[in-house]
Amino acid sequence: LNSASAQVRFGVKAGLNLASIAYSDDFIGLAESELETDLSTGMVPAFHVGAQAEFDFGGPIGLSAGAQLSVKGGKLSGDGNLLGVPFSFTSTASPMYLQVPVAVTFRKNGFYAGVGPYVGFGIGGKVKTETEAAGQTDETSEDISFGSSEDDDFESLDFGAGIELGYEFSNIRVSASYSLGLANVAPKDVVDQGKDQNLDISAKNNVIGISVAYMFGSN
């Protein structure tokens, strides 16, 4: 490979995340048993923002690497009857990760495609819960706790694979992406307790993304 032919472009990128958490059936079943209610899951609108570098080697194939803040998470909703009083609740988790994606890219005639792995580390976020019972609504908000104990919300390490497709207008790129979480972000102690009961306890982050990037330098 002739390094003299390589070109490096730097850019900034931001966009919308439509995040969800894929729970195992045993995870949902255990939670439903403890809460005595049927649960449903949902997406959370969030965001990602960061910078990236792209390496072109004189042809359509290249390599990109970035660093982003990416908010993921999901919703859990349920309703039931407690001591004869109907109730409903929605819990929204929005963990924030410092994420490093790496991708093999293809660029030609304005078309862009990238595929590759990512790794993320939890750095913050909130869990907001809204409960309604007997005509009264109560809202709570707590900081997300990352760790391996049963008192934590998520493991801090997240990783997976992503694919992105887009189109470039000069230095501006519009794209859509999908990130498939491969890491079990349920706390390890909770997972181990499930194994003792022959239960598969898992939770994985999945994200649909819509992005706009501005790339500096030569096209």
N, C-alpha and C. Protein backbone atom coordinates (compact mmCIF):
# COMPACT_ATOMS: atom_id res chain seq x y z
N LEU A 1 0.86 -1.20 0.00
CA LEU A 1 0.00 0.00 0.00
C LEU A 1 0.88 1.24 0.00
N ASN A 2 0.68 2.12 -0.90
CA ASN A 2 1.47 3.34 -1.01
C ASN A 2 0.89 4.40 -0.09
N SER A 3 1.59 4.67 1.03
CA SER A 3 1.05 5.60 2.01
C SER A 3 0.95 7.01 1.45
N ALA A 4 1.74 7.31 0.41
CA ALA A 4 1.69 8.65 -0.16
C ALA A 4 0.34 8.93 -0.80
N SER A 5 -0.38 7.87 -1.20
CA SER A 5 -1.67 8.05 -1.85
C SER A 5 -2.81 8.15 -0.85
N ALA A 6 -2.52 7.93 0.42
CA ALA A 6 -3.57 7.95 1.43
C ALA A 6 -4.00 9.39 1.71
N GLN A 7 -5.29 9.57 1.91
CA GLN A 7 -5.83 10.87 2.30
C GLN A 7 -6.59 10.70 3.60
N VAL A 8 -6.45 11.69 4.46
CA VAL A 8 -7.14 11.66 5.75
C VAL A 8 -8.11 12.83 5.82
N ARG A 9 -9.34 12.52 6.15
CA ARG A 9 -10.35 13.56 6.35
C ARG A 9 -10.84 13.49 7.79
N PHE A 10 -11.08 14.66 8.36
CA PHE A 10 -11.64 14.74 9.71
C PHE A 10 -13.02 15.38 9.61
N GLY A 11 -13.89 15.01 10.53
CA GLY A 11 -15.23 15.55 10.47
C GLY A 11 -15.94 15.51 11.80
N VAL A 12 -17.11 16.12 11.83
CA VAL A 12 -17.99 16.10 12.99
C VAL A 12 -19.31 15.47 12.56
N LYS A 13 -19.96 14.82 13.52
CA LYS A 13 -21.15 14.05 13.21
C LYS A 13 -22.14 14.14 14.36
N ALA A 14 -23.42 14.27 14.04
CA ALA A 14 -24.46 14.32 15.07
C ALA A 14 -25.75 13.79 14.48
N GLY A 15 -26.65 13.37 15.37
CA GLY A 15 -27.92 12.87 14.86
C GLY A 15 -28.82 12.29 15.92
N LEU A 16 -29.87 11.66 15.45
CA LEU A 16 -30.92 11.09 16.27
C LEU A 16 -30.68 9.61 16.50
N ASN A 17 -30.83 9.17 17.74
CA ASN A 17 -30.87 7.75 18.07
C ASN A 17 -32.30 7.34 18.39
N LEU A 18 -32.74 6.24 17.83
CA LEU A 18 -33.98 5.57 18.25
C LEU A 18 -33.53 4.29 18.93
N ALA A 19 -33.45 4.35 20.26
CA ALA A 19 -32.79 3.30 21.03
C ALA A 19 -33.81 2.36 21.67
N SER A 20 -33.41 1.10 21.76
CA SER A 20 -34.24 0.10 22.45
C SER A 20 -33.32 -0.91 23.12
N ILE A 21 -33.86 -1.61 24.09
CA ILE A 21 -33.13 -2.66 24.78
C ILE A 21 -33.83 -3.98 24.50
N ALA A 22 -33.08 -4.94 23.99
CA ALA A 22 -33.60 -6.28 23.72
C ALA A 22 -33.39 -7.13 24.97
N TYR A 23 -34.48 -7.40 25.68
CA TYR A 23 -34.41 -8.22 26.89
C TYR A 23 -34.70 -9.68 26.54
N SER A 24 -34.05 -10.59 27.26
CA SER A 24 -34.37 -12.00 27.09
C SER A 24 -35.76 -12.28 27.67
N ASP A 25 -36.37 -13.36 27.21
CA ASP A 25 -37.70 -13.74 27.72
C ASP A 25 -37.66 -13.99 29.22
N ASP A 26 -36.58 -14.60 29.71
CA ASP A 26 -36.46 -14.87 31.15
C ASP A 26 -36.35 -13.58 31.94
N PHE A 27 -35.66 -12.58 31.38
CA PHE A 27 -35.55 -11.28 32.06
C PHE A 27 -36.94 -10.67 32.22
N ILE A 28 -37.71 -10.64 31.14
CA ILE A 28 -39.06 -10.07 31.20
C ILE A 28 -39.95 -10.88 32.13
N GLY A 29 -39.87 -12.20 32.04
CA GLY A 29 -40.70 -13.06 32.88
C GLY A 29 -40.40 -12.86 34.36
N LEU A 30 -39.12 -12.74 34.72
CA LEU A 30 -38.76 -12.53 36.11
C LEU A 30 -39.24 -11.18 36.60
N ALA A 31 -39.09 -10.13 35.77
CA ALA A 31 -39.54 -8.80 36.15
C ALA A 31 -41.06 -8.76 36.30
N GLU A 32 -41.77 -9.44 35.41
CA GLU A 32 -43.23 -9.47 35.50
C GLU A 32 -43.67 -10.18 36.78
N SER A 33 -42.95 -11.23 37.15
CA SER A 33 -43.29 -11.95 38.37
C SER A 33 -43.08 -11.09 39.61
N GLU A 34 -41.97 -10.35 39.64
CA GLU A 34 -41.67 -9.51 40.80
C GLU A 34 -42.61 -8.32 40.90
N LEU A 35 -42.96 -7.75 39.74
CA LEU A 35 -43.82 -6.55 39.73
C LEU A 35 -45.30 -6.90 39.68
N GLU A 36 -45.61 -8.19 39.40
CA GLU A 36 -46.99 -8.66 39.28
C GLU A 36 -47.76 -7.85 38.24
N THR A 37 -47.15 -7.71 37.07
CA THR A 37 -47.77 -6.98 35.98
C THR A 37 -47.21 -7.47 34.65
N ASP A 38 -47.95 -7.23 33.58
CA ASP A 38 -47.45 -7.51 32.24
C ASP A 38 -46.62 -6.33 31.76
N LEU A 39 -45.49 -6.62 31.13
CA LEU A 39 -44.58 -5.57 30.70
C LEU A 39 -44.52 -5.48 29.18
N SER A 40 -44.32 -4.28 28.68
CA SER A 40 -44.06 -4.06 27.26
C SER A 40 -42.83 -3.15 27.13
N THR A 41 -42.13 -3.28 26.02
CA THR A 41 -40.91 -2.50 25.80
C THR A 41 -41.16 -1.45 24.72
N GLY A 42 -40.32 -0.43 24.70
CA GLY A 42 -40.46 0.62 23.70
C GLY A 42 -39.15 1.32 23.43
N MET A 43 -39.16 2.14 22.37
CA MET A 43 -37.97 2.90 21.98
C MET A 43 -37.88 4.21 22.75
N VAL A 44 -36.65 4.71 22.82
CA VAL A 44 -36.37 6.01 23.42
C VAL A 44 -35.71 6.90 22.37
N PRO A 45 -36.23 8.09 22.09
CA PRO A 45 -35.51 9.02 21.22
C PRO A 45 -34.35 9.65 21.99
N ALA A 46 -33.18 9.67 21.38
CA ALA A 46 -31.99 10.19 22.05
C ALA A 46 -31.08 10.81 20.98
N PHE A 47 -29.78 10.89 21.24
CA PHE A 47 -28.89 11.55 20.30
C PHE A 47 -27.50 10.94 20.34
N HIS A 48 -26.72 11.26 19.32
CA HIS A 48 -25.29 10.98 19.30
C HIS A 48 -24.58 12.17 18.70
N VAL A 49 -23.35 12.41 19.16
CA VAL A 49 -22.55 13.52 18.65
C VAL A 49 -21.08 13.18 18.85
N GLY A 50 -20.25 13.56 17.89
CA GLY A 50 -18.84 13.26 18.04
C GLY A 50 -18.02 13.67 16.84
N ALA A 51 -16.79 13.15 16.80
CA ALA A 51 -15.85 13.45 15.72
C ALA A 51 -15.34 12.15 15.14
N GLN A 52 -14.87 12.21 13.90
CA GLN A 52 -14.34 11.02 13.27
C GLN A 52 -13.26 11.37 12.27
N ALA A 53 -12.45 10.36 11.99
CA ALA A 53 -11.39 10.47 10.98
C ALA A 53 -11.60 9.37 9.96
N GLU A 54 -11.39 9.71 8.68
CA GLU A 54 -11.54 8.75 7.60
C GLU A 54 -10.28 8.68 6.76
N PHE A 55 -9.86 7.47 6.47
CA PHE A 55 -8.63 7.23 5.72
C PHE A 55 -8.99 6.62 4.37
N ASP A 56 -8.72 7.35 3.30
CA ASP A 56 -8.95 6.87 1.94
C ASP A 56 -7.61 6.50 1.32
N PHE A 57 -7.59 5.39 0.61
CA PHE A 57 -6.33 4.86 0.09
C PHE A 57 -6.28 4.86 -1.43
N GLY A 58 -6.89 5.88 -2.02
CA GLY A 58 -6.79 6.03 -3.46
C GLY A 58 -7.83 5.26 -4.24
N GLY A 59 -8.73 4.57 -3.57
CA GLY A 59 -9.81 3.82 -4.22
C GLY A 59 -11.07 3.99 -3.41
N PRO A 60 -12.10 3.20 -3.70
CA PRO A 60 -13.37 3.36 -2.98
C PRO A 60 -13.35 2.81 -1.55
N ILE A 61 -12.38 1.94 -1.23
CA ILE A 61 -12.32 1.32 0.08
C ILE A 61 -11.47 2.15 1.03
N GLY A 62 -11.97 2.36 2.24
CA GLY A 62 -11.24 3.12 3.23
C GLY A 62 -11.51 2.60 4.63
N LEU A 63 -11.11 3.40 5.61
CA LEU A 63 -11.26 3.03 7.01
C LEU A 63 -11.65 4.28 7.79
N SER A 64 -12.56 4.12 8.74
CA SER A 64 -12.95 5.25 9.58
C SER A 64 -12.89 4.85 11.04
N ALA A 65 -12.63 5.84 11.89
CA ALA A 65 -12.64 5.64 13.34
C ALA A 65 -13.16 6.92 13.98
N GLY A 66 -13.88 6.79 15.06
CA GLY A 66 -14.48 7.97 15.67
C GLY A 66 -14.55 7.88 17.18
N ALA A 67 -14.99 8.95 17.78
CA ALA A 67 -15.29 9.02 19.21
C ALA A 67 -16.56 9.82 19.36
N GLN A 68 -17.56 9.24 20.03
CA GLN A 68 -18.85 9.90 20.14
C GLN A 68 -19.43 9.75 21.53
N LEU A 69 -20.29 10.68 21.87
CA LEU A 69 -21.21 10.50 22.98
C LEU A 69 -22.50 9.97 22.37
N SER A 70 -22.95 8.83 22.87
CA SER A 70 -24.15 8.20 22.33
C SER A 70 -25.08 7.80 23.47
N VAL A 71 -26.31 8.31 23.42
CA VAL A 71 -27.31 7.97 24.43
C VAL A 71 -28.17 6.84 23.90
N LYS A 72 -28.28 5.77 24.68
CA LYS A 72 -29.05 4.60 24.27
C LYS A 72 -30.17 4.37 25.28
N GLY A 73 -30.64 3.13 25.41
CA GLY A 73 -31.64 2.81 26.42
C GLY A 73 -32.93 2.29 25.85
N GLY A 74 -33.99 2.40 26.65
CA GLY A 74 -35.29 1.89 26.24
C GLY A 74 -36.34 2.13 27.31
N LYS A 75 -37.57 1.74 26.99
CA LYS A 75 -38.69 1.91 27.91
C LYS A 75 -39.23 0.55 28.34
N LEU A 76 -39.67 0.50 29.60
CA LEU A 76 -40.45 -0.62 30.12
C LEU A 76 -41.74 -0.05 30.70
N SER A 77 -42.86 -0.58 30.23
CA SER A 77 -44.16 -0.10 30.69
C SER A 77 -44.99 -1.27 31.19
N GLY A 78 -45.85 -0.98 32.17
CA GLY A 78 -46.73 -2.04 32.68
C GLY A 78 -47.92 -1.45 33.41
N ASP A 79 -48.91 -2.27 33.63
CA ASP A 79 -50.06 -1.88 34.45
C ASP A 79 -50.58 -3.11 35.17
N GLY A 80 -51.26 -2.86 36.25
CA GLY A 80 -51.77 -3.97 37.05
C GLY A 80 -52.71 -3.49 38.12
N ASN A 81 -52.80 -4.28 39.19
CA ASN A 81 -53.71 -3.98 40.28
C ASN A 81 -53.02 -4.30 41.60
N LEU A 82 -52.85 -3.29 42.45
CA LEU A 82 -52.18 -3.46 43.73
C LEU A 82 -53.17 -3.18 44.85
N LEU A 83 -53.50 -4.22 45.60
CA LEU A 83 -54.45 -4.09 46.71
C LEU A 83 -55.76 -3.47 46.26
N GLY A 84 -56.20 -3.88 45.05
CA GLY A 84 -57.46 -3.40 44.52
C GLY A 84 -57.39 -2.06 43.84
N VAL A 85 -56.19 -1.46 43.77
CA VAL A 85 -56.03 -0.14 43.15
C VAL A 85 -55.29 -0.32 41.82
N PRO A 86 -55.93 0.06 40.70
CA PRO A 86 -55.24 -0.03 39.41
C PRO A 86 -54.05 0.93 39.36
N PHE A 87 -52.98 0.50 38.69
CA PHE A 87 -51.82 1.37 38.54
C PHE A 87 -51.18 1.11 37.19
N SER A 88 -50.39 2.08 36.75
CA SER A 88 -49.59 1.92 35.54
C SER A 88 -48.27 2.65 35.74
N PHE A 89 -47.25 2.22 35.02
CA PHE A 89 -45.96 2.89 35.14
C PHE A 89 -45.19 2.77 33.83
N THR A 90 -44.30 3.72 33.62
CA THR A 90 -43.36 3.69 32.50
C THR A 90 -41.99 4.08 33.03
N SER A 91 -41.03 3.21 32.83
CA SER A 91 -39.65 3.48 33.25
C SER A 91 -38.79 3.67 32.00
N THR A 92 -38.12 4.81 31.92
CA THR A 92 -37.30 5.15 30.75
C THR A 92 -35.84 5.25 31.17
N ALA A 93 -35.01 4.36 30.65
CA ALA A 93 -33.58 4.38 30.92
C ALA A 93 -32.85 5.00 29.74
N SER A 94 -31.96 5.95 30.03
CA SER A 94 -31.21 6.64 28.98
C SER A 94 -29.72 6.67 29.32
N PRO A 95 -29.05 5.53 29.26
CA PRO A 95 -27.61 5.51 29.56
C PRO A 95 -26.80 6.19 28.47
N MET A 96 -25.79 6.94 28.88
CA MET A 96 -24.90 7.61 27.93
C MET A 96 -23.55 6.89 27.90
N TYR A 97 -23.06 6.69 26.68
CA TYR A 97 -21.79 6.00 26.49
C TYR A 97 -20.80 6.87 25.74
N LEU A 98 -19.54 6.74 26.11
CA LEU A 98 -18.45 7.23 25.28
C LEU A 98 -18.10 6.08 24.35
N GLN A 99 -18.36 6.26 23.07
CA GLN A 99 -18.33 5.15 22.11
C GLN A 99 -17.27 5.37 21.04
N VAL A 100 -16.58 4.28 20.71
CA VAL A 100 -15.54 4.32 19.67
C VAL A 100 -15.92 3.34 18.57
N PRO A 101 -16.43 3.83 17.44
CA PRO A 101 -16.75 2.95 16.31
C PRO A 101 -15.59 2.91 15.31
N VAL A 102 -15.38 1.75 14.73
CA VAL A 102 -14.39 1.56 13.67
C VAL A 102 -15.11 0.87 12.52
N ALA A 103 -14.85 1.30 11.28
CA ALA A 103 -15.57 0.71 10.15
C ALA A 103 -14.71 0.66 8.90
N VAL A 104 -14.91 -0.37 8.12
CA VAL A 104 -14.42 -0.41 6.75
C VAL A 104 -15.45 0.31 5.90
N THR A 105 -15.01 1.24 5.06
CA THR A 105 -15.94 2.09 4.32
C THR A 105 -15.81 1.90 2.81
N PHE A 106 -16.89 2.25 2.14
CA PHE A 106 -16.94 2.24 0.68
C PHE A 106 -17.55 3.56 0.24
N ARG A 107 -16.85 4.33 -0.61
CA ARG A 107 -17.32 5.61 -1.10
C ARG A 107 -17.14 5.67 -2.61
N LYS A 108 -18.25 5.91 -3.32
CA LYS A 108 -18.17 6.02 -4.77
C LYS A 108 -19.40 6.73 -5.30
N ASN A 109 -19.18 7.74 -6.16
CA ASN A 109 -20.27 8.48 -6.80
C ASN A 109 -21.28 9.03 -5.79
N GLY A 110 -20.77 9.46 -4.64
CA GLY A 110 -21.64 10.01 -3.61
C GLY A 110 -22.19 8.99 -2.64
N PHE A 111 -22.18 7.72 -3.02
CA PHE A 111 -22.71 6.67 -2.15
C PHE A 111 -21.69 6.34 -1.07
N TYR A 112 -22.20 6.13 0.14
CA TYR A 112 -21.32 5.79 1.27
C TYR A 112 -21.88 4.57 2.00
N ALA A 113 -20.99 3.65 2.39
CA ALA A 113 -21.37 2.51 3.22
C ALA A 113 -20.24 2.21 4.18
N GLY A 114 -20.58 1.81 5.37
CA GLY A 114 -19.59 1.44 6.36
C GLY A 114 -20.10 0.31 7.23
N VAL A 115 -19.20 -0.58 7.62
CA VAL A 115 -19.57 -1.68 8.49
C VAL A 115 -18.39 -2.01 9.40
N GLY A 116 -18.68 -2.27 10.67
CA GLY A 116 -17.60 -2.59 11.59
C GLY A 116 -18.07 -2.61 13.03
N PRO A 117 -17.14 -2.86 13.96
CA PRO A 117 -17.48 -2.98 15.37
C PRO A 117 -17.45 -1.63 16.09
N TYR A 118 -18.00 -1.63 17.30
CA TYR A 118 -17.88 -0.48 18.18
C TYR A 118 -17.73 -0.98 19.61
N VAL A 119 -17.16 -0.13 20.45
CA VAL A 119 -17.08 -0.40 21.87
C VAL A 119 -17.45 0.88 22.61
N GLY A 120 -18.20 0.74 23.69
CA GLY A 120 -18.64 1.90 24.43
C GLY A 120 -18.46 1.70 25.93
N PHE A 121 -18.31 2.81 26.65
CA PHE A 121 -18.14 2.78 28.10
C PHE A 121 -19.15 3.73 28.74
N GLY A 122 -19.94 3.21 29.66
CA GLY A 122 -20.98 4.01 30.27
C GLY A 122 -20.41 5.11 31.14
N ILE A 123 -20.92 6.34 30.94
CA ILE A 123 -20.41 7.48 31.70
C ILE A 123 -21.50 8.29 32.39
N GLY A 124 -22.75 7.96 32.17
CA GLY A 124 -23.81 8.75 32.81
C GLY A 124 -25.18 8.36 32.30
N GLY A 125 -26.15 9.21 32.60
CA GLY A 125 -27.51 8.96 32.15
C GLY A 125 -28.51 8.96 33.30
N LYS A 126 -29.77 8.82 32.96
CA LYS A 126 -30.85 8.86 33.94
C LYS A 126 -31.83 7.71 33.73
N VAL A 127 -32.48 7.31 34.81
CA VAL A 127 -33.65 6.45 34.75
C VAL A 127 -34.82 7.25 35.30
N LYS A 128 -35.82 7.50 34.44
CA LYS A 128 -36.99 8.27 34.85
C LYS A 128 -38.21 7.34 34.88
N THR A 129 -38.95 7.41 35.96
CA THR A 129 -40.12 6.55 36.13
C THR A 129 -41.35 7.40 36.43
N GLU A 130 -42.40 7.13 35.68
CA GLU A 130 -43.68 7.80 35.90
C GLU A 130 -44.71 6.76 36.31
N THR A 131 -45.32 6.95 37.47
CA THR A 131 -46.31 6.01 38.00
C THR A 131 -47.64 6.73 38.20
N GLU A 132 -48.72 6.07 37.79
CA GLU A 132 -50.05 6.63 37.96
C GLU A 132 -50.93 5.63 38.70
N ALA A 133 -51.54 6.07 39.80
CA ALA A 133 -52.42 5.22 40.60
C ALA A 133 -53.44 6.09 41.31
N ALA A 134 -54.69 5.65 41.30
CA ALA A 134 -55.77 6.35 41.98
C ALA A 134 -55.85 7.82 41.57
N GLY A 135 -55.59 8.08 40.29
CA GLY A 135 -55.69 9.44 39.78
C GLY A 135 -54.50 10.31 40.11
N GLN A 136 -53.50 9.77 40.77
CA GLN A 136 -52.31 10.53 41.14
C GLN A 136 -51.12 10.08 40.28
N THR A 137 -50.33 11.06 39.84
CA THR A 137 -49.14 10.77 39.04
C THR A 137 -47.89 11.14 39.81
N ASP A 138 -46.94 10.23 39.83
CA ASP A 138 -45.69 10.48 40.54
C ASP A 138 -44.53 10.26 39.57
N GLU A 139 -43.58 11.18 39.54
CA GLU A 139 -42.42 11.08 38.66
C GLU A 139 -41.15 11.09 39.49
N THR A 140 -40.23 10.18 39.17
CA THR A 140 -38.94 10.14 39.84
C THR A 140 -37.84 10.09 38.78
N SER A 141 -36.65 10.56 39.14
CA SER A 141 -35.50 10.55 38.25
C SER A 141 -34.26 10.21 39.07
N GLU A 142 -33.50 9.22 38.62
CA GLU A 142 -32.29 8.81 39.33
C GLU A 142 -31.14 8.69 38.35
N ASP A 143 -29.93 8.97 38.83
CA ASP A 143 -28.74 8.77 38.02
C ASP A 143 -28.52 7.28 37.78
N ILE A 144 -28.10 6.94 36.57
CA ILE A 144 -27.80 5.55 36.25
C ILE A 144 -26.52 5.13 36.94
N SER A 145 -26.54 3.94 37.52
CA SER A 145 -25.38 3.37 38.18
C SER A 145 -24.83 2.24 37.31
N PHE A 146 -23.55 2.37 36.92
CA PHE A 146 -22.89 1.33 36.13
C PHE A 146 -22.05 0.46 37.05
N GLY A 147 -22.17 -0.85 36.87
CA GLY A 147 -21.40 -1.77 37.69
C GLY A 147 -21.95 -3.18 37.58
N SER A 148 -21.41 -4.08 38.39
CA SER A 148 -21.74 -5.50 38.28
C SER A 148 -22.63 -6.03 39.39
N SER A 149 -22.99 -5.17 40.37
CA SER A 149 -23.79 -5.64 41.50
C SER A 149 -25.28 -5.59 41.18
N GLU A 150 -26.06 -6.26 42.00
CA GLU A 150 -27.51 -6.28 41.79
C GLU A 150 -28.14 -4.93 42.05
N ASP A 151 -27.40 -4.01 42.68
CA ASP A 151 -27.91 -2.66 42.92
C ASP A 151 -27.62 -1.71 41.76
N ASP A 152 -26.83 -2.16 40.79
CA ASP A 152 -26.51 -1.33 39.63
C ASP A 152 -27.56 -1.50 38.53
N ASP A 153 -27.56 -0.56 37.59
CA ASP A 153 -28.53 -0.59 36.49
C ASP A 153 -27.98 -1.33 35.27
N PHE A 154 -26.72 -1.04 34.91
CA PHE A 154 -26.11 -1.63 33.72
C PHE A 154 -24.63 -1.90 33.95
N GLU A 155 -24.10 -2.88 33.23
CA GLU A 155 -22.66 -3.01 33.13
C GLU A 155 -22.11 -1.80 32.36
N SER A 156 -20.87 -1.42 32.66
CA SER A 156 -20.32 -0.23 32.02
C SER A 156 -19.85 -0.48 30.58
N LEU A 157 -19.50 -1.73 30.26
CA LEU A 157 -18.97 -2.04 28.93
C LEU A 157 -20.09 -2.43 27.97
N ASP A 158 -20.09 -1.80 26.81
CA ASP A 158 -21.02 -2.15 25.75
C ASP A 158 -20.23 -2.31 24.45
N PHE A 159 -20.59 -3.29 23.66
CA PHE A 159 -19.94 -3.45 22.36
C PHE A 159 -20.91 -4.13 21.40
N GLY A 160 -20.60 -4.03 20.11
CA GLY A 160 -21.47 -4.63 19.11
C GLY A 160 -20.95 -4.36 17.71
N ALA A 161 -21.85 -4.40 16.75
CA ALA A 161 -21.50 -4.20 15.34
C ALA A 161 -22.51 -3.25 14.72
N GLY A 162 -22.02 -2.45 13.77
CA GLY A 162 -22.90 -1.47 13.14
C GLY A 162 -22.76 -1.45 11.63
N ILE A 163 -23.81 -0.99 10.98
CA ILE A 163 -23.80 -0.79 9.54
C ILE A 163 -24.40 0.58 9.25
N GLU A 164 -23.83 1.28 8.27
CA GLU A 164 -24.28 2.64 7.96
C GLU A 164 -24.33 2.81 6.44
N LEU A 165 -25.39 3.43 5.96
CA LEU A 165 -25.56 3.72 4.53
C LEU A 165 -25.93 5.19 4.38
N GLY A 166 -25.31 5.85 3.39
CA GLY A 166 -25.61 7.25 3.25
C GLY A 166 -25.25 7.79 1.88
N TYR A 167 -25.43 9.09 1.75
CA TYR A 167 -25.11 9.77 0.50
C TYR A 167 -24.44 11.10 0.84
N GLU A 168 -23.43 11.45 0.02
CA GLU A 168 -22.64 12.65 0.26
C GLU A 168 -22.98 13.75 -0.74
N PHE A 169 -23.16 14.96 -0.21
CA PHE A 169 -23.35 16.16 -1.02
C PHE A 169 -22.16 17.06 -0.74
N SER A 170 -21.13 16.97 -1.58
CA SER A 170 -19.89 17.69 -1.32
C SER A 170 -19.33 17.22 0.02
N ASN A 171 -19.21 18.12 1.00
CA ASN A 171 -18.62 17.75 2.29
C ASN A 171 -19.65 17.30 3.31
N ILE A 172 -20.91 17.28 2.94
CA ILE A 172 -21.98 16.90 3.87
C ILE A 172 -22.48 15.50 3.53
N ARG A 173 -22.63 14.69 4.57
CA ARG A 173 -23.14 13.33 4.40
C ARG A 173 -24.38 13.13 5.26
N VAL A 174 -25.41 12.58 4.66
CA VAL A 174 -26.63 12.18 5.38
C VAL A 174 -26.68 10.66 5.35
N SER A 175 -26.93 10.06 6.52
CA SER A 175 -26.87 8.60 6.57
C SER A 175 -27.85 8.03 7.58
N ALA A 176 -28.12 6.74 7.42
CA ALA A 176 -28.91 5.96 8.37
C ALA A 176 -28.07 4.77 8.80
N SER A 177 -28.24 4.36 10.04
CA SER A 177 -27.40 3.29 10.57
C SER A 177 -28.20 2.39 11.50
N TYR A 178 -27.64 1.22 11.74
CA TYR A 178 -28.20 0.31 12.74
C TYR A 178 -27.05 -0.30 13.53
N SER A 179 -27.14 -0.21 14.85
CA SER A 179 -26.13 -0.78 15.74
C SER A 179 -26.75 -1.92 16.52
N LEU A 180 -26.18 -3.10 16.37
CA LEU A 180 -26.66 -4.31 17.04
C LEU A 180 -25.79 -4.58 18.26
N GLY A 181 -26.37 -4.48 19.44
CA GLY A 181 -25.62 -4.74 20.65
C GLY A 181 -25.34 -6.23 20.83
N LEU A 182 -24.10 -6.55 21.12
CA LEU A 182 -23.70 -7.93 21.37
C LEU A 182 -23.33 -8.17 22.83
N ALA A 183 -23.12 -7.09 23.58
CA ALA A 183 -22.76 -7.21 25.00
C ALA A 183 -24.02 -7.32 25.85
N ASN A 184 -23.98 -8.19 26.84
CA ASN A 184 -25.04 -8.26 27.82
C ASN A 184 -24.79 -7.18 28.86
N VAL A 185 -25.61 -6.13 28.85
CA VAL A 185 -25.39 -5.00 29.75
C VAL A 185 -26.14 -5.15 31.07
N ALA A 186 -26.83 -6.27 31.27
CA ALA A 186 -27.41 -6.55 32.59
C ALA A 186 -26.27 -6.78 33.58
N PRO A 187 -26.35 -6.27 34.81
CA PRO A 187 -25.27 -6.45 35.78
C PRO A 187 -24.92 -7.92 35.99
N LYS A 188 -23.62 -8.21 36.11
CA LYS A 188 -23.13 -9.57 36.17
C LYS A 188 -23.74 -10.35 37.33
N ASP A 189 -23.89 -9.72 38.49
CA ASP A 189 -24.45 -10.43 39.64
C ASP A 189 -25.89 -10.86 39.38
N VAL A 190 -26.64 -10.02 38.66
CA VAL A 190 -28.02 -10.37 38.31
C VAL A 190 -28.03 -11.54 37.33
N VAL A 191 -27.12 -11.51 36.36
CA VAL A 191 -27.02 -12.59 35.39
C VAL A 191 -26.66 -13.90 36.09
N ASP A 192 -25.70 -13.83 37.03
CA ASP A 192 -25.27 -15.03 37.75
C ASP A 192 -26.39 -15.59 38.63
N GLN A 193 -27.16 -14.72 39.25
CA GLN A 193 -28.29 -15.17 40.05
C GLN A 193 -29.32 -15.88 39.17
N GLY A 194 -29.49 -15.37 37.96
CA GLY A 194 -30.40 -16.02 37.02
C GLY A 194 -29.92 -17.41 36.64
N LYS A 195 -28.60 -17.54 36.41
CA LYS A 195 -28.05 -18.85 36.06
C LYS A 195 -28.30 -19.86 37.16
N ASP A 196 -28.25 -19.43 38.43
CA ASP A 196 -28.52 -20.33 39.55
C ASP A 196 -29.94 -20.87 39.50
N GLN A 197 -30.83 -20.14 38.83
CA GLN A 197 -32.24 -20.56 38.68
C GLN A 197 -32.52 -21.08 37.27
N ASN A 198 -31.44 -21.35 36.52
CA ASN A 198 -31.56 -21.81 35.13
C ASN A 198 -32.31 -20.80 34.27
N LEU A 199 -32.05 -19.52 34.51
CA LEU A 199 -32.67 -18.45 33.75
C LEU A 199 -31.61 -17.71 32.94
N ASP A 200 -31.97 -17.35 31.71
CA ASP A 200 -31.09 -16.57 30.85
C ASP A 200 -31.47 -15.10 30.99
N ILE A 201 -30.69 -14.35 31.77
CA ILE A 201 -30.96 -12.94 32.00
C ILE A 201 -30.03 -12.12 31.12
N SER A 202 -30.60 -11.41 30.15
CA SER A 202 -29.76 -10.60 29.29
C SER A 202 -30.52 -9.35 28.82
N ALA A 203 -29.73 -8.30 28.56
CA ALA A 203 -30.25 -7.04 28.02
C ALA A 203 -29.19 -6.48 27.08
N LYS A 204 -29.61 -6.14 25.85
CA LYS A 204 -28.65 -5.69 24.85
C LYS A 204 -29.17 -4.43 24.17
N ASN A 205 -28.26 -3.47 23.98
CA ASN A 205 -28.62 -2.19 23.36
C ASN A 205 -28.69 -2.31 21.84
N ASN A 206 -29.78 -1.83 21.28
CA ASN A 206 -29.92 -1.72 19.83
C ASN A 206 -30.31 -0.28 19.48
N VAL A 207 -29.73 0.24 18.40
CA VAL A 207 -29.97 1.64 18.05
C VAL A 207 -30.15 1.80 16.54
N ILE A 208 -31.22 2.48 16.14
CA ILE A 208 -31.38 2.98 14.78
C ILE A 208 -30.94 4.44 14.79
N GLY A 209 -30.04 4.81 13.89
CA GLY A 209 -29.51 6.16 13.89
C GLY A 209 -29.76 6.90 12.59
N ILE A 210 -29.98 8.19 12.68
CA ILE A 210 -30.06 9.08 11.52
C ILE A 210 -29.06 10.20 11.78
N SER A 211 -28.11 10.39 10.86
CA SER A 211 -26.98 11.28 11.13
C SER A 211 -26.74 12.27 10.00
N VAL A 212 -26.13 13.38 10.38
CA VAL A 212 -25.57 14.33 9.43
C VAL A 212 -24.11 14.55 9.84
N ALA A 213 -23.21 14.41 8.87
CA ALA A 213 -21.79 14.62 9.14
C ALA A 213 -21.24 15.69 8.20
N TYR A 214 -20.31 16.47 8.72
CA TYR A 214 -19.58 17.42 7.88
C TYR A 214 -18.12 17.04 7.90
N MET A 215 -17.58 16.73 6.73
CA MET A 215 -16.20 16.29 6.60
C MET A 215 -15.34 17.43 6.06
N PHE A 216 -14.29 17.76 6.78
CA PHE A 216 -13.35 18.80 6.35
C PHE A 216 -12.35 18.21 5.38
N GLY A 217 -11.81 19.03 4.52
CA GLY A 217 -10.74 18.58 3.64
C GLY A 217 -11.24 18.10 2.31
N SER A 218 -10.33 17.50 1.56
CA SER A 218 -10.61 17.10 0.19
C SER A 218 -11.61 15.97 0.15
N ASN A 219 -12.43 15.98 -0.88
CA ASN A 219 -13.38 14.90 -1.11
C ASN A 219 -12.74 13.77 -1.88
